[in-house]
N, C-alpha and C. Protein backbone atom coordinates (compact mmCIF):
# COMPACT_ATOMS: atom_id res chain seq x y z
N MET A 1 -18.16 4.41 28.45
CA MET A 1 -17.14 5.06 27.64
C MET A 1 -17.23 4.60 26.17
N ALA A 2 -17.64 3.38 25.92
CA ALA A 2 -17.77 2.89 24.57
C ALA A 2 -18.73 3.77 23.77
N ASP A 3 -19.76 4.31 24.41
CA ASP A 3 -20.68 5.22 23.78
C ASP A 3 -19.95 6.45 23.34
N ALA A 4 -18.96 6.90 24.01
CA ALA A 4 -18.22 8.08 23.62
C ALA A 4 -17.48 7.89 22.27
N ILE A 5 -16.98 6.68 22.05
CA ILE A 5 -16.40 6.34 20.76
C ILE A 5 -17.42 6.38 19.72
N ARG A 6 -18.55 5.78 19.96
CA ARG A 6 -19.63 5.75 18.96
C ARG A 6 -20.07 7.19 18.58
N ASN A 7 -20.20 8.02 19.57
CA ASN A 7 -20.61 9.39 19.30
C ASN A 7 -19.52 10.15 18.54
N SER A 8 -18.27 9.89 18.85
CA SER A 8 -17.16 10.61 18.26
C SER A 8 -17.00 10.30 16.79
N VAL A 9 -17.21 9.04 16.36
CA VAL A 9 -17.06 8.70 14.95
C VAL A 9 -18.38 8.81 14.21
N GLY A 10 -19.47 9.10 14.87
CA GLY A 10 -20.74 9.36 14.24
C GLY A 10 -21.46 8.12 13.77
N VAL A 11 -21.24 6.96 14.33
CA VAL A 11 -21.92 5.76 13.97
C VAL A 11 -22.38 5.05 15.24
N ARG A 12 -23.38 4.20 15.06
CA ARG A 12 -23.88 3.45 16.21
C ARG A 12 -23.42 1.99 16.23
N HIS A 13 -22.95 1.49 15.10
CA HIS A 13 -22.56 0.10 14.95
C HIS A 13 -21.33 0.03 14.09
N PHE A 14 -20.44 -0.94 14.37
CA PHE A 14 -19.20 -1.00 13.58
C PHE A 14 -19.42 -1.19 12.12
N SER A 15 -20.57 -1.85 11.75
CA SER A 15 -20.80 -2.11 10.33
C SER A 15 -21.13 -0.82 9.53
N GLU A 16 -21.29 0.30 10.21
CA GLU A 16 -21.48 1.56 9.55
C GLU A 16 -20.18 2.24 9.17
N LEU A 17 -19.04 1.73 9.69
CA LEU A 17 -17.79 2.31 9.41
C LEU A 17 -17.33 1.94 8.03
N ILE A 18 -16.90 2.94 7.21
CA ILE A 18 -16.40 2.60 5.80
C ILE A 18 -15.23 1.68 5.84
N ALA A 19 -14.34 1.82 6.83
CA ALA A 19 -13.16 0.95 6.96
C ALA A 19 -13.63 -0.53 7.11
N TRP A 20 -14.62 -0.74 7.97
CA TRP A 20 -15.09 -2.11 8.16
C TRP A 20 -15.82 -2.59 6.85
N GLN A 21 -16.63 -1.75 6.23
CA GLN A 21 -17.39 -2.17 5.04
C GLN A 21 -16.43 -2.60 3.95
N LEU A 22 -15.37 -1.86 3.72
CA LEU A 22 -14.38 -2.16 2.67
C LEU A 22 -13.60 -3.42 3.03
N SER A 23 -13.24 -3.59 4.29
CA SER A 23 -12.55 -4.77 4.77
C SER A 23 -13.44 -5.99 4.61
N GLU A 24 -14.67 -5.88 4.85
CA GLU A 24 -15.63 -6.97 4.78
C GLU A 24 -15.85 -7.32 3.34
N THR A 25 -15.97 -6.34 2.45
CA THR A 25 -16.10 -6.61 0.98
C THR A 25 -14.88 -7.36 0.48
N LEU A 26 -13.73 -6.93 0.93
CA LEU A 26 -12.48 -7.63 0.58
C LEU A 26 -12.51 -9.07 1.06
N ARG A 27 -12.94 -9.30 2.27
CA ARG A 27 -13.06 -10.66 2.82
C ARG A 27 -13.93 -11.56 1.95
N VAL A 28 -15.07 -11.01 1.55
CA VAL A 28 -16.01 -11.79 0.74
C VAL A 28 -15.35 -12.15 -0.63
N GLU A 29 -14.73 -11.19 -1.22
CA GLU A 29 -14.09 -11.40 -2.47
C GLU A 29 -12.90 -12.38 -2.44
N VAL A 30 -12.12 -12.25 -1.35
CA VAL A 30 -10.96 -13.12 -1.18
C VAL A 30 -11.43 -14.56 -0.90
N MET A 31 -12.51 -14.72 -0.20
CA MET A 31 -13.04 -16.12 0.05
C MET A 31 -13.34 -16.79 -1.27
N ALA A 32 -13.91 -16.07 -2.15
CA ALA A 32 -14.22 -16.66 -3.49
C ALA A 32 -12.97 -17.03 -4.22
N VAL A 33 -11.96 -16.18 -4.19
CA VAL A 33 -10.69 -16.46 -4.83
C VAL A 33 -9.97 -17.61 -4.18
N SER A 34 -9.98 -17.64 -2.88
CA SER A 34 -9.24 -18.73 -2.15
C SER A 34 -9.95 -20.08 -2.43
N ALA A 35 -11.22 -20.10 -2.70
CA ALA A 35 -11.89 -21.35 -3.04
C ALA A 35 -11.33 -21.91 -4.34
N ARG A 36 -11.02 -21.03 -5.31
CA ARG A 36 -10.37 -21.50 -6.55
C ARG A 36 -8.95 -21.95 -6.28
N ALA A 37 -8.23 -21.27 -5.45
CA ALA A 37 -6.86 -21.66 -5.18
C ALA A 37 -6.86 -22.98 -4.37
N GLN A 38 -7.85 -23.23 -3.57
CA GLN A 38 -7.92 -24.47 -2.83
C GLN A 38 -8.06 -25.66 -3.79
N GLU A 39 -8.71 -25.40 -4.92
CA GLU A 39 -8.82 -26.46 -5.93
C GLU A 39 -7.43 -26.85 -6.46
N ALA A 40 -6.49 -25.92 -6.36
CA ALA A 40 -5.14 -26.18 -6.73
C ALA A 40 -4.35 -26.93 -5.68
N ARG A 41 -5.06 -27.17 -4.55
CA ARG A 41 -4.47 -27.90 -3.42
C ARG A 41 -3.39 -27.18 -2.64
N ASP A 42 -3.41 -25.88 -2.69
CA ASP A 42 -2.46 -25.11 -1.88
C ASP A 42 -3.19 -24.67 -0.63
N TYR A 43 -3.46 -25.66 0.20
CA TYR A 43 -4.26 -25.43 1.41
C TYR A 43 -3.62 -24.47 2.39
N ARG A 44 -2.32 -24.49 2.52
CA ARG A 44 -1.68 -23.61 3.47
C ARG A 44 -1.83 -22.14 3.05
N LEU A 45 -1.58 -21.84 1.78
CA LEU A 45 -1.78 -20.48 1.29
C LEU A 45 -3.21 -20.06 1.49
N CYS A 46 -4.17 -20.93 1.20
CA CYS A 46 -5.60 -20.61 1.36
C CYS A 46 -5.94 -20.29 2.82
N ASP A 47 -5.42 -21.06 3.71
CA ASP A 47 -5.67 -20.86 5.11
C ASP A 47 -5.06 -19.53 5.60
N GLN A 48 -3.85 -19.24 5.15
CA GLN A 48 -3.19 -18.00 5.53
C GLN A 48 -3.97 -16.77 4.96
N LEU A 49 -4.37 -16.91 3.73
CA LEU A 49 -5.12 -15.82 3.08
C LEU A 49 -6.46 -15.65 3.78
N ARG A 50 -7.13 -16.68 4.06
CA ARG A 50 -8.46 -16.56 4.76
C ARG A 50 -8.30 -15.94 6.11
N ALA A 51 -7.24 -16.35 6.82
CA ALA A 51 -7.06 -15.82 8.19
C ALA A 51 -6.72 -14.36 8.18
N SER A 52 -5.87 -13.94 7.27
CA SER A 52 -5.50 -12.49 7.27
C SER A 52 -6.65 -11.66 6.76
N THR A 53 -7.45 -12.15 5.84
CA THR A 53 -8.52 -11.33 5.33
C THR A 53 -9.69 -11.26 6.37
N ARG A 54 -9.83 -12.27 7.18
CA ARG A 54 -10.84 -12.21 8.26
C ARG A 54 -10.43 -11.25 9.36
N SER A 55 -9.15 -11.08 9.56
CA SER A 55 -8.65 -10.32 10.71
C SER A 55 -8.92 -8.82 10.61
N ALA A 56 -8.87 -8.24 9.43
CA ALA A 56 -9.09 -6.81 9.35
C ALA A 56 -10.48 -6.37 9.80
N PRO A 57 -11.52 -6.85 9.21
CA PRO A 57 -12.86 -6.44 9.71
C PRO A 57 -13.10 -6.85 11.18
N ALA A 58 -12.53 -8.00 11.60
CA ALA A 58 -12.72 -8.44 13.03
C ALA A 58 -12.05 -7.47 13.94
N ASN A 59 -10.88 -6.98 13.62
CA ASN A 59 -10.19 -6.02 14.52
C ASN A 59 -10.87 -4.69 14.53
N ILE A 60 -11.39 -4.25 13.42
CA ILE A 60 -12.08 -2.95 13.38
C ILE A 60 -13.37 -3.07 14.28
N ALA A 61 -14.05 -4.23 14.13
CA ALA A 61 -15.26 -4.46 14.96
C ALA A 61 -14.89 -4.47 16.48
N GLU A 62 -13.82 -5.24 16.79
CA GLU A 62 -13.47 -5.33 18.18
C GLU A 62 -12.98 -3.97 18.76
N GLY A 63 -12.20 -3.24 17.98
CA GLY A 63 -11.81 -1.87 18.42
C GLY A 63 -12.96 -0.95 18.68
N PHE A 64 -13.99 -1.09 17.84
CA PHE A 64 -15.16 -0.20 17.98
C PHE A 64 -15.82 -0.37 19.36
N GLY A 65 -15.73 -1.62 19.89
CA GLY A 65 -16.30 -1.88 21.18
C GLY A 65 -15.41 -1.53 22.37
N ARG A 66 -14.24 -0.99 22.14
CA ARG A 66 -13.30 -0.65 23.19
C ARG A 66 -13.67 0.65 23.88
N TYR A 67 -12.95 1.01 24.91
CA TYR A 67 -13.31 2.10 25.77
C TYR A 67 -12.66 3.43 25.51
N GLY A 68 -11.79 3.52 24.59
CA GLY A 68 -11.15 4.82 24.31
C GLY A 68 -10.57 4.82 22.90
N HIS A 69 -10.32 6.05 22.46
CA HIS A 69 -9.77 6.20 21.09
C HIS A 69 -8.40 5.54 20.92
N GLY A 70 -7.54 5.63 21.93
CA GLY A 70 -6.28 4.98 21.82
C GLY A 70 -6.32 3.49 21.65
N ASP A 71 -7.23 2.87 22.38
CA ASP A 71 -7.40 1.41 22.23
C ASP A 71 -7.96 1.07 20.88
N PHE A 72 -8.98 1.79 20.44
CA PHE A 72 -9.54 1.58 19.10
C PHE A 72 -8.51 1.74 18.02
N ALA A 73 -7.68 2.81 18.13
CA ALA A 73 -6.65 3.07 17.15
C ALA A 73 -5.62 1.92 17.07
N ARG A 74 -5.34 1.34 18.25
CA ARG A 74 -4.41 0.19 18.25
C ARG A 74 -4.98 -0.99 17.44
N PHE A 75 -6.30 -1.22 17.55
CA PHE A 75 -6.96 -2.26 16.74
C PHE A 75 -6.94 -1.91 15.26
N CYS A 76 -7.01 -0.61 14.95
CA CYS A 76 -6.92 -0.18 13.56
C CYS A 76 -5.50 -0.53 13.01
N ASP A 77 -4.49 -0.33 13.84
CA ASP A 77 -3.14 -0.67 13.46
C ASP A 77 -3.03 -2.19 13.15
N ILE A 78 -3.68 -3.00 13.93
CA ILE A 78 -3.66 -4.47 13.67
C ILE A 78 -4.40 -4.76 12.40
N ALA A 79 -5.51 -4.08 12.12
CA ALA A 79 -6.28 -4.30 10.93
C ALA A 79 -5.42 -3.90 9.68
N ILE A 80 -4.65 -2.82 9.77
CA ILE A 80 -3.76 -2.35 8.69
C ILE A 80 -2.75 -3.39 8.46
N GLY A 81 -2.14 -3.97 9.48
CA GLY A 81 -1.19 -5.04 9.34
C GLY A 81 -1.80 -6.25 8.65
N SER A 82 -3.04 -6.59 8.97
CA SER A 82 -3.73 -7.72 8.35
C SER A 82 -3.99 -7.45 6.87
N LEU A 83 -4.31 -6.23 6.56
CA LEU A 83 -4.50 -5.89 5.13
C LEU A 83 -3.17 -6.00 4.36
N ASN A 84 -2.11 -5.60 5.03
CA ASN A 84 -0.78 -5.76 4.31
C ASN A 84 -0.45 -7.23 4.15
N GLU A 85 -0.78 -8.06 5.17
CA GLU A 85 -0.51 -9.49 5.10
C GLU A 85 -1.39 -10.08 3.97
N THR A 86 -2.64 -9.69 3.87
CA THR A 86 -3.49 -10.17 2.76
C THR A 86 -2.92 -9.81 1.42
N GLU A 87 -2.40 -8.57 1.27
CA GLU A 87 -1.78 -8.18 0.04
C GLU A 87 -0.62 -9.10 -0.29
N ASN A 88 0.22 -9.38 0.67
CA ASN A 88 1.36 -10.28 0.46
C ASN A 88 0.91 -11.66 -0.03
N HIS A 89 -0.11 -12.22 0.64
CA HIS A 89 -0.59 -13.56 0.25
C HIS A 89 -1.18 -13.50 -1.16
N LEU A 90 -1.87 -12.40 -1.52
CA LEU A 90 -2.39 -12.32 -2.90
C LEU A 90 -1.24 -12.21 -3.93
N ARG A 91 -0.16 -11.61 -3.56
CA ARG A 91 0.99 -11.51 -4.46
C ARG A 91 1.52 -12.95 -4.73
N VAL A 92 1.59 -13.71 -3.66
CA VAL A 92 2.05 -15.11 -3.77
C VAL A 92 1.07 -15.90 -4.64
N ALA A 93 -0.24 -15.71 -4.41
CA ALA A 93 -1.25 -16.44 -5.22
C ALA A 93 -1.14 -16.04 -6.67
N ARG A 94 -0.85 -14.78 -6.94
CA ARG A 94 -0.71 -14.34 -8.31
C ARG A 94 0.58 -15.00 -8.95
N CYS A 95 1.66 -15.01 -8.22
CA CYS A 95 2.93 -15.61 -8.71
C CYS A 95 2.78 -17.10 -8.95
N GLU A 96 1.98 -17.77 -8.11
CA GLU A 96 1.77 -19.20 -8.26
C GLU A 96 0.73 -19.56 -9.31
N GLY A 97 0.12 -18.54 -9.88
CA GLY A 97 -0.84 -18.75 -10.96
C GLY A 97 -2.26 -19.04 -10.49
N TYR A 98 -2.58 -18.82 -9.23
CA TYR A 98 -3.88 -19.11 -8.72
C TYR A 98 -4.86 -17.95 -8.98
N LEU A 99 -4.32 -16.79 -9.37
CA LEU A 99 -5.08 -15.60 -9.49
C LEU A 99 -4.76 -14.91 -10.80
N ASN A 100 -5.78 -14.63 -11.60
CA ASN A 100 -5.52 -13.91 -12.86
C ASN A 100 -5.28 -12.43 -12.66
N ALA A 101 -4.74 -11.75 -13.62
CA ALA A 101 -4.37 -10.40 -13.50
C ALA A 101 -5.54 -9.47 -13.16
N GLY A 102 -6.68 -9.71 -13.73
CA GLY A 102 -7.85 -8.88 -13.46
C GLY A 102 -8.36 -9.00 -12.01
N ASP A 103 -8.40 -10.24 -11.55
CA ASP A 103 -8.78 -10.43 -10.13
C ASP A 103 -7.77 -9.83 -9.21
N TYR A 104 -6.51 -10.02 -9.54
CA TYR A 104 -5.47 -9.47 -8.70
C TYR A 104 -5.58 -7.95 -8.57
N ARG A 105 -5.72 -7.30 -9.70
CA ARG A 105 -5.85 -5.80 -9.69
C ARG A 105 -7.06 -5.36 -8.89
N ALA A 106 -8.20 -6.09 -9.09
CA ALA A 106 -9.41 -5.68 -8.35
C ALA A 106 -9.24 -5.84 -6.87
N LEU A 107 -8.60 -6.94 -6.42
CA LEU A 107 -8.39 -7.17 -5.02
C LEU A 107 -7.38 -6.17 -4.46
N LEU A 108 -6.31 -5.84 -5.20
CA LEU A 108 -5.38 -4.84 -4.73
C LEU A 108 -6.04 -3.48 -4.56
N PHE A 109 -6.96 -3.14 -5.44
CA PHE A 109 -7.68 -1.90 -5.36
C PHE A 109 -8.55 -1.90 -4.07
N LEU A 110 -9.20 -2.99 -3.77
CA LEU A 110 -9.98 -3.10 -2.55
C LEU A 110 -9.10 -2.97 -1.33
N ILE A 111 -7.96 -3.63 -1.34
CA ILE A 111 -7.01 -3.56 -0.20
C ILE A 111 -6.62 -2.07 0.03
N ARG A 112 -6.25 -1.41 -1.05
CA ARG A 112 -5.80 -0.02 -0.88
C ARG A 112 -6.91 0.89 -0.37
N ARG A 113 -8.12 0.68 -0.79
CA ARG A 113 -9.28 1.50 -0.29
C ARG A 113 -9.50 1.18 1.15
N ALA A 114 -9.50 -0.12 1.53
CA ALA A 114 -9.72 -0.51 2.92
C ALA A 114 -8.63 0.03 3.81
N ARG A 115 -7.37 -0.07 3.37
CA ARG A 115 -6.20 0.41 4.14
C ARG A 115 -6.33 1.92 4.34
N THR A 116 -6.60 2.66 3.28
CA THR A 116 -6.75 4.08 3.34
C THR A 116 -7.86 4.47 4.34
N ALA A 117 -8.99 3.87 4.23
CA ALA A 117 -10.09 4.19 5.14
C ALA A 117 -9.70 3.88 6.62
N THR A 118 -9.03 2.77 6.80
CA THR A 118 -8.64 2.43 8.16
C THR A 118 -7.56 3.35 8.70
N ILE A 119 -6.65 3.81 7.88
CA ILE A 119 -5.65 4.78 8.28
C ILE A 119 -6.30 6.09 8.64
N ARG A 120 -7.31 6.48 7.86
CA ARG A 120 -8.01 7.74 8.17
C ARG A 120 -8.80 7.62 9.47
N LEU A 121 -9.41 6.48 9.72
CA LEU A 121 -10.11 6.24 10.97
C LEU A 121 -9.15 6.32 12.13
N LYS A 122 -8.01 5.69 11.99
CA LYS A 122 -6.99 5.68 13.03
C LYS A 122 -6.52 7.12 13.29
N SER A 123 -6.28 7.88 12.25
CA SER A 123 -5.82 9.24 12.39
C SER A 123 -6.86 10.10 13.12
N HIS A 124 -8.10 9.87 12.79
CA HIS A 124 -9.20 10.58 13.53
C HIS A 124 -9.15 10.23 15.00
N LEU A 125 -9.02 8.95 15.26
CA LEU A 125 -9.04 8.50 16.67
C LEU A 125 -7.85 9.06 17.43
N ARG A 126 -6.69 9.07 16.79
CA ARG A 126 -5.50 9.59 17.50
C ARG A 126 -5.49 11.13 17.67
N SER A 127 -6.21 11.81 16.80
CA SER A 127 -6.21 13.28 16.84
C SER A 127 -7.33 13.87 17.68
N SER A 128 -8.28 13.06 18.11
CA SER A 128 -9.40 13.55 18.90
C SER A 128 -9.50 12.82 20.22
N PRO A 129 -9.64 13.56 21.26
CA PRO A 129 -9.72 12.94 22.60
C PRO A 129 -11.01 12.15 22.74
N THR A 130 -11.01 11.11 23.53
CA THR A 130 -12.16 10.35 23.88
C THR A 130 -13.02 11.23 24.70
N ARG A 131 -14.22 11.40 24.33
CA ARG A 131 -15.19 12.21 25.17
C ARG A 131 -15.80 11.30 26.18
N ARG A 132 -15.70 11.63 27.43
CA ARG A 132 -16.31 10.79 28.45
C ARG A 132 -17.80 11.09 28.57
N THR A 133 -18.60 10.06 28.70
CA THR A 133 -20.02 10.23 28.87
C THR A 133 -20.32 10.36 30.38
N SER A 134 -21.34 11.10 30.63
CA SER A 134 -21.76 11.29 32.05
C SER A 134 -22.39 9.99 32.55
N SER A 135 -22.04 9.67 33.79
CA SER A 135 -22.63 8.44 34.41
C SER A 135 -23.85 8.79 35.27
N THR A 136 -24.29 9.99 35.20
CA THR A 136 -25.50 10.36 35.99
C THR A 136 -26.75 10.35 35.16
């Protein structure tokens, strides 16, 4: 059945999904920013930021390997929540002075793009039935 999901969204690997690519780009960028914040010794914020930013691409990847559109869509919901959490942590980092205005705007732009792509993927999954593959 996992092959049915792959066929339905037109990709063979989760890394081909735009939602995953944007979430992964965000993760890479946030890791660089959190390294600077860590220098300010706010380890708890850095850990929370790193965890939330890792969660979005991980949940999209995990959902891709699931057996039906509904299950995959549920993992997209979790990824969207993680993107929202990342945005919250970035707001805190900006308020605490760990993030300059330019970096903050660039990361918010990436979050919005990743969230939009994930919402669209979830909408596609919820609006199209899982096609079952033949076992013969």
